[in-house]
Amino acid sequence: MTNALIDDFINKDVVTAVKTLTDETDSKKVASAALEIAVAFGADRKTFFIPTTSTENKLIESFSNNLLLLVQKTWVEKSDTEIKEQVLYQLNQFCANLKTSSWADSYIPFLDIIYNAVYLMFGSQTKNDDFTEYAFRIDPEFGVFWWYIQSLPHESDWPEEKCRIAVLLGMYFLANY
């Protein structure tokens, strides 16, 4: 995806924020970047916060319910039925494991679920190099989310809080999509 196209769809502050989130080690800078990303996902700058343990359960539930509904309602080719069942199982396990697993341990399973769910929604188009551009053109809000997911490293050695923020941001978008 070209920088010009990114500039057409994404505010430069958001591009900088995603870079900060992925590259920065300072927790205050990461939290500030998270706010900028959340605003791009539709959050109100004045009221958004990274949930505390007591409020993240509601976000997890909303994320689970919305993604469950999205996956269940997605029509798939017969050959993709097994993937659909796998995603539903993974989502259930992921949400159950969040109560006992670390966010760092949940980071890769979260990304796997998202990649598979997006594949179910858009099919083999997701494998094309121009899928992010396609996503921007059909639904700019979803395009920003997908670009965010694509910007995250699939594997990381990030600290717990940084993994937590990255996953919660993705959950926030999907809980409100």
C-alpha atoms as a PDB file:
ATOM      1  CA  MET A   1       0.000   0.000   0.000  1.00  0.00           C
ATOM      2  CA  THR A   2       1.423   3.356  -0.984  1.00  0.00           C
ATOM      3  CA  ASN A   3       2.074   6.221   1.392  1.00  0.00           C
ATOM      4  CA  ALA A   4      -0.170   8.442  -0.743  1.00  0.00           C
ATOM      5  CA  LEU A   5      -3.057   6.037  -0.266  1.00  0.00           C
ATOM      6  CA  ILE A   6      -2.419   5.853   3.470  1.00  0.00           C
ATOM      7  CA  ASP A   7      -2.441   9.660   3.549  1.00  0.00           C
ATOM      8  CA  ASP A   8      -5.816   9.625   1.757  1.00  0.00           C
ATOM      9  CA  PHE A   9      -7.442   7.447   4.408  1.00  0.00           C
ATOM     10  CA  ILE A  10      -5.524   7.823   7.653  1.00  0.00           C
ATOM     11  CA  ASN A  11      -4.759  10.922   9.664  1.00  0.00           C
ATOM     12  CA  LYS A  12      -0.999  11.426  10.003  1.00  0.00           C
ATOM     13  CA  ASP A  13      -1.364  11.470  13.795  1.00  0.00           C
ATOM     14  CA  VAL A  14      -2.797   7.958  13.651  1.00  0.00           C
ATOM     15  CA  VAL A  15       0.039   6.728  11.431  1.00  0.00           C
ATOM     16  CA  THR A  16       2.511   8.180  13.927  1.00  0.00           C
ATOM     17  CA  ALA A  17       0.565   6.670  16.836  1.00  0.00           C
ATOM     18  CA  VAL A  18       0.659   3.162  15.360  1.00  0.00           C
ATOM     19  CA  LYS A  19       4.385   3.514  14.755  1.00  0.00           C
ATOM     20  CA  THR A  20       4.807   4.699  18.357  1.00  0.00           C
ATOM     21  CA  LEU A  21       2.733   1.795  19.657  1.00  0.00           C
ATOM     22  CA  THR A  22       4.775  -0.770  17.757  1.00  0.00           C
ATOM     23  CA  ASP A  23       8.238   0.765  18.320  1.00  0.00           C
ATOM     24  CA  GLU A  24       8.158   2.612  21.642  1.00  0.00           C
ATOM     25  CA  THR A  25       9.092   1.174  25.027  1.00  0.00           C
ATOM     26  CA  ASP A  26       7.969   4.134  27.171  1.00  0.00           C
ATOM     27  CA  SER A  27       4.583   3.155  28.627  1.00  0.00           C
ATOM     28  CA  LYS A  28       3.323   6.762  28.757  1.00  0.00           C
ATOM     29  CA  LYS A  29       4.058   7.248  25.063  1.00  0.00           C
ATOM     30  CA  VAL A  30       2.378   3.932  24.251  1.00  0.00           C
ATOM     31  CA  ALA A  31      -0.723   4.943  26.251  1.00  0.00           C
ATOM     32  CA  SER A  32      -0.845   8.308  24.480  1.00  0.00           C
ATOM     33  CA  ALA A  33      -0.550   6.580  21.111  1.00  0.00           C
ATOM     34  CA  ALA A  34      -3.337   4.195  22.112  1.00  0.00           C
ATOM     35  CA  LEU A  35      -5.661   7.139  22.684  1.00  0.00           C
ATOM     36  CA  GLU A  36      -4.954   8.455  19.186  1.00  0.00           C
ATOM     37  CA  ILE A  37      -5.661   5.032  17.682  1.00  0.00           C
ATOM     38  CA  ALA A  38      -8.846   4.654  19.724  1.00  0.00           C
ATOM     39  CA  VAL A  39     -10.089   7.991  18.396  1.00  0.00           C
ATOM     40  CA  ALA A  40      -9.489   6.679  14.864  1.00  0.00           C
ATOM     41  CA  PHE A  41     -11.660   3.710  15.871  1.00  0.00           C
ATOM     42  CA  GLY A  42     -14.487   6.049  16.857  1.00  0.00           C
ATOM     43  CA  ALA A  43     -13.754   6.687  20.521  1.00  0.00           C
ATOM     44  CA  ASP A  44     -14.359  10.077  22.098  1.00  0.00           C
ATOM     45  CA  ARG A  45     -11.005  11.625  22.979  1.00  0.00           C
ATOM     46  CA  LYS A  46     -12.436  13.141  26.168  1.00  0.00           C
ATOM     47  CA  THR A  47     -13.927   9.947  27.548  1.00  0.00           C
ATOM     48  CA  PHE A  48     -11.859   7.078  26.144  1.00  0.00           C
ATOM     49  CA  PHE A  49      -9.581   5.196  28.468  1.00  0.00           C
ATOM     50  CA  ILE A  50      -7.772   1.903  28.354  1.00  0.00           C
ATOM     51  CA  PRO A  51     -10.032  -0.220  30.541  1.00  0.00           C
ATOM     52  CA  THR A  52      -8.977  -1.247  33.985  1.00  0.00           C
ATOM     53  CA  THR A  53      -9.339  -4.843  35.076  1.00  0.00           C
ATOM     54  CA  SER A  54     -12.775  -4.057  36.492  1.00  0.00           C
ATOM     55  CA  THR A  55     -14.090  -2.593  33.211  1.00  0.00           C
ATOM     56  CA  GLU A  56     -12.261  -4.681  30.638  1.00  0.00           C
ATOM     57  CA  ASN A  57     -14.620  -7.627  31.232  1.00  0.00           C
ATOM     58  CA  LYS A  58     -17.454  -5.632  29.642  1.00  0.00           C
ATOM     59  CA  LEU A  59     -15.259  -4.809  26.648  1.00  0.00           C
ATOM     60  CA  ILE A  60     -14.248  -8.466  26.294  1.00  0.00           C
ATOM     61  CA  GLU A  61     -17.890  -9.526  26.425  1.00  0.00           C
ATOM     62  CA  SER A  62     -18.934  -6.945  23.816  1.00  0.00           C
ATOM     63  CA  PHE A  63     -16.023  -7.942  21.591  1.00  0.00           C
ATOM     64  CA  SER A  64     -16.903 -11.634  21.939  1.00  0.00           C
ATOM     65  CA  ASN A  65     -20.607 -11.082  21.267  1.00  0.00           C
ATOM     66  CA  ASN A  66     -20.030  -8.863  18.229  1.00  0.00           C
ATOM     67  CA  LEU A  67     -17.373 -11.076  16.651  1.00  0.00           C
ATOM     68  CA  LEU A  68     -19.422 -14.192  17.394  1.00  0.00           C
ATOM     69  CA  LEU A  69     -22.436 -12.659  15.669  1.00  0.00           C
ATOM     70  CA  LEU A  70     -20.333 -11.444  12.764  1.00  0.00           C
ATOM     71  CA  VAL A  71     -18.771 -14.865  12.194  1.00  0.00           C
ATOM     72  CA  GLN A  72     -22.046 -16.753  12.676  1.00  0.00           C
ATOM     73  CA  LYS A  73     -23.877 -14.518  10.193  1.00  0.00           C
ATOM     74  CA  THR A  74     -21.133 -14.695   7.576  1.00  0.00           C
ATOM     75  CA  TRP A  75     -22.018 -16.988   4.719  1.00  0.00           C
ATOM     76  CA  VAL A  76     -19.043 -19.139   3.748  1.00  0.00           C
ATOM     77  CA  GLU A  77     -18.235 -21.600   1.018  1.00  0.00           C
ATOM     78  CA  LYS A  78     -18.633 -25.222   2.022  1.00  0.00           C
ATOM     79  CA  SER A  79     -14.839 -25.553   1.965  1.00  0.00           C
ATOM     80  CA  ASP A  80     -14.553 -22.824   4.631  1.00  0.00           C
ATOM     81  CA  THR A  81     -17.082 -24.297   7.078  1.00  0.00           C
ATOM     82  CA  GLU A  82     -14.290 -25.909   9.087  1.00  0.00           C
ATOM     83  CA  ILE A  83     -12.464 -22.562   9.371  1.00  0.00           C
ATOM     84  CA  LYS A  84     -15.681 -20.941  10.569  1.00  0.00           C
ATOM     85  CA  GLU A  85     -16.114 -23.583  13.256  1.00  0.00           C
ATOM     86  CA  GLN A  86     -12.457 -23.211  14.195  1.00  0.00           C
ATOM     87  CA  VAL A  87     -12.808 -19.429  14.589  1.00  0.00           C
ATOM     88  CA  LEU A  88     -15.881 -19.841  16.797  1.00  0.00           C
ATOM     89  CA  TYR A  89     -14.010 -22.353  18.942  1.00  0.00           C
ATOM     90  CA  GLN A  90     -10.875 -20.157  19.079  1.00  0.00           C
ATOM     91  CA  LEU A  91     -12.950 -17.131  20.065  1.00  0.00           C
ATOM     92  CA  ASN A  92     -14.621 -19.050  22.876  1.00  0.00           C
ATOM     93  CA  GLN A  93     -11.283 -20.397  24.123  1.00  0.00           C
ATOM     94  CA  PHE A  94      -9.591 -17.021  23.778  1.00  0.00           C
ATOM     95  CA  CYS A  95     -12.196 -15.226  25.894  1.00  0.00           C
ATOM     96  CA  ALA A  96     -12.207 -17.995  28.499  1.00  0.00           C
ATOM     97  CA  ASN A  97      -8.396 -17.997  28.650  1.00  0.00           C
ATOM     98  CA  LEU A  98      -8.216 -14.243  29.197  1.00  0.00           C
ATOM     99  CA  LYS A  99      -9.249 -14.892  32.795  1.00  0.00           C
ATOM    100  CA  THR A 100      -6.156 -16.994  33.434  1.00  0.00           C
ATOM    101  CA  SER A 101      -3.635 -16.145  30.698  1.00  0.00           C
ATOM    102  CA  SER A 102      -1.403 -13.155  30.363  1.00  0.00           C
ATOM    103  CA  TRP A 103      -2.049 -10.566  27.690  1.00  0.00           C
ATOM    104  CA  ALA A 104       1.309 -11.449  26.177  1.00  0.00           C
ATOM    105  CA  ASP A 105       0.135 -15.062  25.810  1.00  0.00           C
ATOM    106  CA  SER A 106      -3.161 -13.842  24.323  1.00  0.00           C
ATOM    107  CA  TYR A 107      -1.595 -11.549  21.720  1.00  0.00           C
ATOM    108  CA  ILE A 108      -0.877 -14.124  18.970  1.00  0.00           C
ATOM    109  CA  PRO A 109      -4.177 -16.042  19.422  1.00  0.00           C
ATOM    110  CA  PHE A 110      -6.016 -12.709  19.139  1.00  0.00           C
ATOM    111  CA  LEU A 111      -4.304 -11.904  15.846  1.00  0.00           C
ATOM    112  CA  ASP A 112      -4.978 -15.417  14.550  1.00  0.00           C
ATOM    113  CA  ILE A 113      -8.681 -15.052  15.308  1.00  0.00           C
ATOM    114  CA  ILE A 114      -8.832 -11.672  13.582  1.00  0.00           C
ATOM    115  CA  TYR A 115      -7.008 -12.880  10.469  1.00  0.00           C
ATOM    116  CA  ASN A 116      -9.281 -15.919  10.202  1.00  0.00           C
ATOM    117  CA  ALA A 117     -12.471 -13.925  10.840  1.00  0.00           C
ATOM    118  CA  VAL A 118     -11.522 -11.378   8.179  1.00  0.00           C
ATOM    119  CA  TYR A 119     -10.758 -14.240   5.789  1.00  0.00           C
ATOM    120  CA  LEU A 120     -14.247 -15.623   6.422  1.00  0.00           C
ATOM    121  CA  MET A 121     -15.799 -12.232   5.705  1.00  0.00           C
ATOM    122  CA  PHE A 122     -13.841 -11.461   2.527  1.00  0.00           C
ATOM    123  CA  GLY A 123     -12.558 -14.808   1.283  1.00  0.00           C
ATOM    124  CA  SER A 124      -9.436 -15.212  -0.784  1.00  0.00           C
ATOM    125  CA  GLN A 125      -9.405 -11.459  -1.474  1.00  0.00           C
ATOM    126  CA  THR A 126      -7.616 -11.131   1.898  1.00  0.00           C
ATOM    127  CA  LYS A 127      -4.615 -12.950   0.434  1.00  0.00           C
ATOM    128  CA  ASN A 128      -4.109 -10.298  -2.251  1.00  0.00           C
ATOM    129  CA  ASP A 129      -1.505  -7.579  -1.792  1.00  0.00           C
ATOM    130  CA  ASP A 130      -4.131  -4.909  -2.423  1.00  0.00           C
ATOM    131  CA  PHE A 131      -6.624  -6.117   0.212  1.00  0.00           C
ATOM    132  CA  THR A 132      -5.872  -3.259   2.602  1.00  0.00           C
ATOM    133  CA  GLU A 133      -6.605  -0.759  -0.168  1.00  0.00           C
ATOM    134  CA  TYR A 134      -9.790  -2.687  -0.964  1.00  0.00           C
ATOM    135  CA  ALA A 135     -10.799  -2.572   2.710  1.00  0.00           C
ATOM    136  CA  PHE A 136     -10.293   1.209   2.796  1.00  0.00           C
ATOM    137  CA  ARG A 137     -12.423   1.672  -0.296  1.00  0.00           C
ATOM    138  CA  ILE A 138     -15.362  -0.484   0.809  1.00  0.00           C
ATOM    139  CA  ASP A 139     -15.427   0.698   4.434  1.00  0.00           C
ATOM    140  CA  PRO A 140     -12.876   3.329   5.498  1.00  0.00           C
ATOM    141  CA  GLU A 141     -13.398   2.643   9.220  1.00  0.00           C
ATOM    142  CA  PHE A 142     -12.764  -1.062   8.718  1.00  0.00           C
ATOM    143  CA  GLY A 143      -9.829  -0.159   6.478  1.00  0.00           C
ATOM    144  CA  VAL A 144      -8.184   1.769   9.305  1.00  0.00           C
ATOM    145  CA  PHE A 145      -8.762  -1.179  11.644  1.00  0.00           C
ATOM    146  CA  TRP A 146      -7.323  -3.669   9.155  1.00  0.00           C
ATOM    147  CA  TRP A 147      -4.333  -1.414   8.494  1.00  0.00           C
ATOM    148  CA  TYR A 148      -3.792  -1.281  12.278  1.00  0.00           C
ATOM    149  CA  ILE A 149      -3.924  -5.082  12.552  1.00  0.00           C
ATOM    150  CA  GLN A 150      -1.557  -5.418   9.603  1.00  0.00           C
ATOM    151  CA  SER A 151       0.843  -2.962  11.275  1.00  0.00           C
ATOM    152  CA  LEU A 152       1.167  -5.125  14.382  1.00  0.00           C
ATOM    153  CA  PRO A 153       3.973  -7.679  14.370  1.00  0.00           C
ATOM    154  CA  HIS A 154       2.553 -11.187  14.312  1.00  0.00           C
ATOM    155  CA  GLU A 155       4.984 -12.230  16.999  1.00  0.00           C
ATOM    156  CA  SER A 156       6.437  -9.933  19.594  1.00  0.00           C
ATOM    157  CA  ASP A 157       8.366  -9.883  22.804  1.00  0.00           C
ATOM    158  CA  TRP A 158       6.442  -6.890  24.033  1.00  0.00           C
ATOM    159  CA  PRO A 159       5.821  -6.379  27.736  1.00  0.00           C
ATOM    160  CA  GLU A 160       2.480  -7.393  29.206  1.00  0.00           C
ATOM    161  CA  GLU A 161       0.945  -3.900  29.226  1.00  0.00           C
ATOM    162  CA  LYS A 162       1.859  -3.177  25.623  1.00  0.00           C
ATOM    163  CA  CYS A 163       0.270  -6.470  24.507  1.00  0.00           C
ATOM    164  CA  ARG A 164      -2.779  -5.639  26.598  1.00  0.00           C
ATOM    165  CA  ILE A 165      -3.149  -2.236  24.931  1.00  0.00           C
ATOM    166  CA  ALA A 166      -2.681  -3.633  21.414  1.00  0.00           C
ATOM    167  CA  VAL A 167      -5.300  -6.348  21.964  1.00  0.00           C
ATOM    168  CA  LEU A 168      -7.766  -4.082  23.762  1.00  0.00           C
ATOM    169  CA  LEU A 169      -7.611  -1.572  20.906  1.00  0.00           C
ATOM    170  CA  GLY A 170      -8.539  -4.298  18.430  1.00  0.00           C
ATOM    171  CA  MET A 171     -11.268  -5.494  20.748  1.00  0.00           C
ATOM    172  CA  TYR A 172     -12.569  -1.961  21.117  1.00  0.00           C
ATOM    173  CA  PHE A 173     -12.996  -1.564  17.370  1.00  0.00           C
ATOM    174  CA  LEU A 174     -14.757  -4.908  16.978  1.00  0.00           C
ATOM    175  CA  ALA A 175     -16.919  -4.391  20.068  1.00  0.00           C
ATOM    176  CA  ASN A 176     -18.263  -1.233  18.450  1.00  0.00           C
ATOM    177  CA  TYR A 177     -18.285  -2.254  14.779  1.00  0.00           C
END
